[in-house]
């Protein structure tokens, strides 16, 4: 279960095509989050996260760490 807006944003960013190597700014991150939520919905984003952890656990942890950091930054900017 998603407990905060930041968690939802992190899962959505994780499910997006945006990559850390692109060094996206906050606007790009927010756009990716919105587009991914519209495309997959909350449950769909959670399913993508679960599948990636099952298929690629060695890379999923680092990606989620990056997503949580960026989602937290995006929330802080919005506040």
C-alpha atoms as a PDB file:
ATOM      1  CA  UNK A   1       0.000   0.000   0.000  1.00  0.00           C
ATOM      2  CA  UNK A   2       1.244   3.494  -0.844  1.00  0.00           C
ATOM      3  CA  UNK A   3       1.457   5.588   2.306  1.00  0.00           C
ATOM      4  CA  UNK A   4       2.327   9.061   1.032  1.00  0.00           C
ATOM      5  CA  UNK A   5       2.204  11.245  -2.037  1.00  0.00           C
ATOM      6  CA  UNK A   6       5.985  10.949  -2.247  1.00  0.00           C
ATOM      7  CA  UNK A   7       5.686   7.138  -2.367  1.00  0.00           C
ATOM      8  CA  UNK A   8       3.146   7.369  -5.182  1.00  0.00           C
ATOM      9  CA  UNK A   9       5.368   9.773  -7.085  1.00  0.00           C
ATOM     10  CA  UNK A  10       8.399   7.512  -6.608  1.00  0.00           C
ATOM     11  CA  UNK A  11       6.536   4.451  -7.897  1.00  0.00           C
ATOM     12  CA  UNK A  12       5.272   6.416 -10.887  1.00  0.00           C
ATOM     13  CA  UNK A  13       8.736   7.743 -11.671  1.00  0.00           C
ATOM     14  CA  UNK A  14      10.133   4.212 -11.345  1.00  0.00           C
ATOM     15  CA  UNK A  15       7.564   2.983 -13.884  1.00  0.00           C
ATOM     16  CA  UNK A  16       8.389   5.812 -16.298  1.00  0.00           C
ATOM     17  CA  UNK A  17      10.954   5.742 -19.093  1.00  0.00           C
ATOM     18  CA  UNK A  18      12.964   8.573 -17.523  1.00  0.00           C
ATOM     19  CA  UNK A  19      16.541   7.592 -16.703  1.00  0.00           C
ATOM     20  CA  UNK A  20      18.969   9.032 -14.133  1.00  0.00           C
ATOM     21  CA  UNK A  21      21.570   9.372 -16.880  1.00  0.00           C
ATOM     22  CA  UNK A  22      19.349  12.027 -18.497  1.00  0.00           C
ATOM     23  CA  UNK A  23      19.860  14.207 -15.412  1.00  0.00           C
ATOM     24  CA  UNK A  24      16.259  15.457 -15.611  1.00  0.00           C
ATOM     25  CA  UNK A  25      15.177  18.654 -13.940  1.00  0.00           C
ATOM     26  CA  UNK A  26      12.124  18.903 -11.679  1.00  0.00           C
ATOM     27  CA  UNK A  27       9.824  19.831 -14.556  1.00  0.00           C
ATOM     28  CA  UNK A  28      10.845  16.730 -16.523  1.00  0.00           C
ATOM     29  CA  UNK A  29      10.402  14.556 -13.449  1.00  0.00           C
ATOM     30  CA  UNK A  30       6.932  15.932 -12.751  1.00  0.00           C
ATOM     31  CA  UNK A  31       5.955  15.472 -16.411  1.00  0.00           C
ATOM     32  CA  UNK A  32       7.159  11.864 -16.368  1.00  0.00           C
ATOM     33  CA  UNK A  33       5.264  11.155 -13.150  1.00  0.00           C
ATOM     34  CA  UNK A  34       2.037  12.642 -14.513  1.00  0.00           C
ATOM     35  CA  UNK A  35       2.287  10.883 -17.868  1.00  0.00           C
ATOM     36  CA  UNK A  36       3.041   7.542 -16.244  1.00  0.00           C
ATOM     37  CA  UNK A  37       0.149   7.834 -13.796  1.00  0.00           C
ATOM     38  CA  UNK A  38      -2.205   8.662 -16.653  1.00  0.00           C
ATOM     39  CA  UNK A  39      -0.886   5.760 -18.734  1.00  0.00           C
ATOM     40  CA  UNK A  40      -0.755   3.042 -16.048  1.00  0.00           C
ATOM     41  CA  UNK A  41      -2.800   4.260 -13.076  1.00  0.00           C
ATOM     42  CA  UNK A  42      -1.742   3.671  -9.481  1.00  0.00           C
ATOM     43  CA  UNK A  43      -2.154  -0.098  -9.636  1.00  0.00           C
ATOM     44  CA  UNK A  44      -0.343  -0.328 -12.970  1.00  0.00           C
ATOM     45  CA  UNK A  45       2.652   1.585 -11.621  1.00  0.00           C
ATOM     46  CA  UNK A  46       2.786  -0.752  -8.628  1.00  0.00           C
ATOM     47  CA  UNK A  47       2.673  -3.731 -10.994  1.00  0.00           C
ATOM     48  CA  UNK A  48       5.606  -2.363 -13.013  1.00  0.00           C
ATOM     49  CA  UNK A  49       7.625  -1.862  -9.821  1.00  0.00           C
ATOM     50  CA  UNK A  50       6.842  -5.392  -8.626  1.00  0.00           C
ATOM     51  CA  UNK A  51       7.764  -6.913 -11.981  1.00  0.00           C
ATOM     52  CA  UNK A  52      11.083  -5.057 -12.115  1.00  0.00           C
ATOM     53  CA  UNK A  53      11.991  -6.122  -8.576  1.00  0.00           C
ATOM     54  CA  UNK A  54      11.186  -9.700  -9.557  1.00  0.00           C
ATOM     55  CA  UNK A  55      13.040  -9.603 -12.879  1.00  0.00           C
ATOM     56  CA  UNK A  56      15.950  -7.286 -12.066  1.00  0.00           C
ATOM     57  CA  UNK A  57      16.403  -6.953  -8.300  1.00  0.00           C
ATOM     58  CA  UNK A  58      20.051  -5.963  -8.719  1.00  0.00           C
ATOM     59  CA  UNK A  59      19.112  -2.749 -10.562  1.00  0.00           C
ATOM     60  CA  UNK A  60      15.660  -2.095  -9.107  1.00  0.00           C
ATOM     61  CA  UNK A  61      16.996  -1.079  -5.699  1.00  0.00           C
ATOM     62  CA  UNK A  62      19.276   1.618  -7.114  1.00  0.00           C
ATOM     63  CA  UNK A  63      16.538   2.894  -9.429  1.00  0.00           C
ATOM     64  CA  UNK A  64      14.022   3.134  -6.567  1.00  0.00           C
ATOM     65  CA  UNK A  65      16.566   4.980  -4.430  1.00  0.00           C
ATOM     66  CA  UNK A  66      16.994   7.521  -7.243  1.00  0.00           C
ATOM     67  CA  UNK A  67      13.208   7.750  -7.721  1.00  0.00           C
ATOM     68  CA  UNK A  68      12.561   8.326  -4.020  1.00  0.00           C
ATOM     69  CA  UNK A  69      15.215  11.064  -3.893  1.00  0.00           C
ATOM     70  CA  UNK A  70      13.856  12.807  -6.991  1.00  0.00           C
ATOM     71  CA  UNK A  71      10.239  12.470  -5.877  1.00  0.00           C
ATOM     72  CA  UNK A  72      11.160  13.985  -2.523  1.00  0.00           C
ATOM     73  CA  UNK A  73      12.873  16.864  -4.297  1.00  0.00           C
ATOM     74  CA  UNK A  74       9.807  17.420  -6.483  1.00  0.00           C
ATOM     75  CA  UNK A  75       7.508  17.499  -3.445  1.00  0.00           C
ATOM     76  CA  UNK A  76       9.806  19.943  -1.636  1.00  0.00           C
ATOM     77  CA  UNK A  77       9.837  22.269  -4.652  1.00  0.00           C
ATOM     78  CA  UNK A  78       6.043  22.125  -4.902  1.00  0.00           C
ATOM     79  CA  UNK A  79       5.687  23.035  -1.219  1.00  0.00           C
END
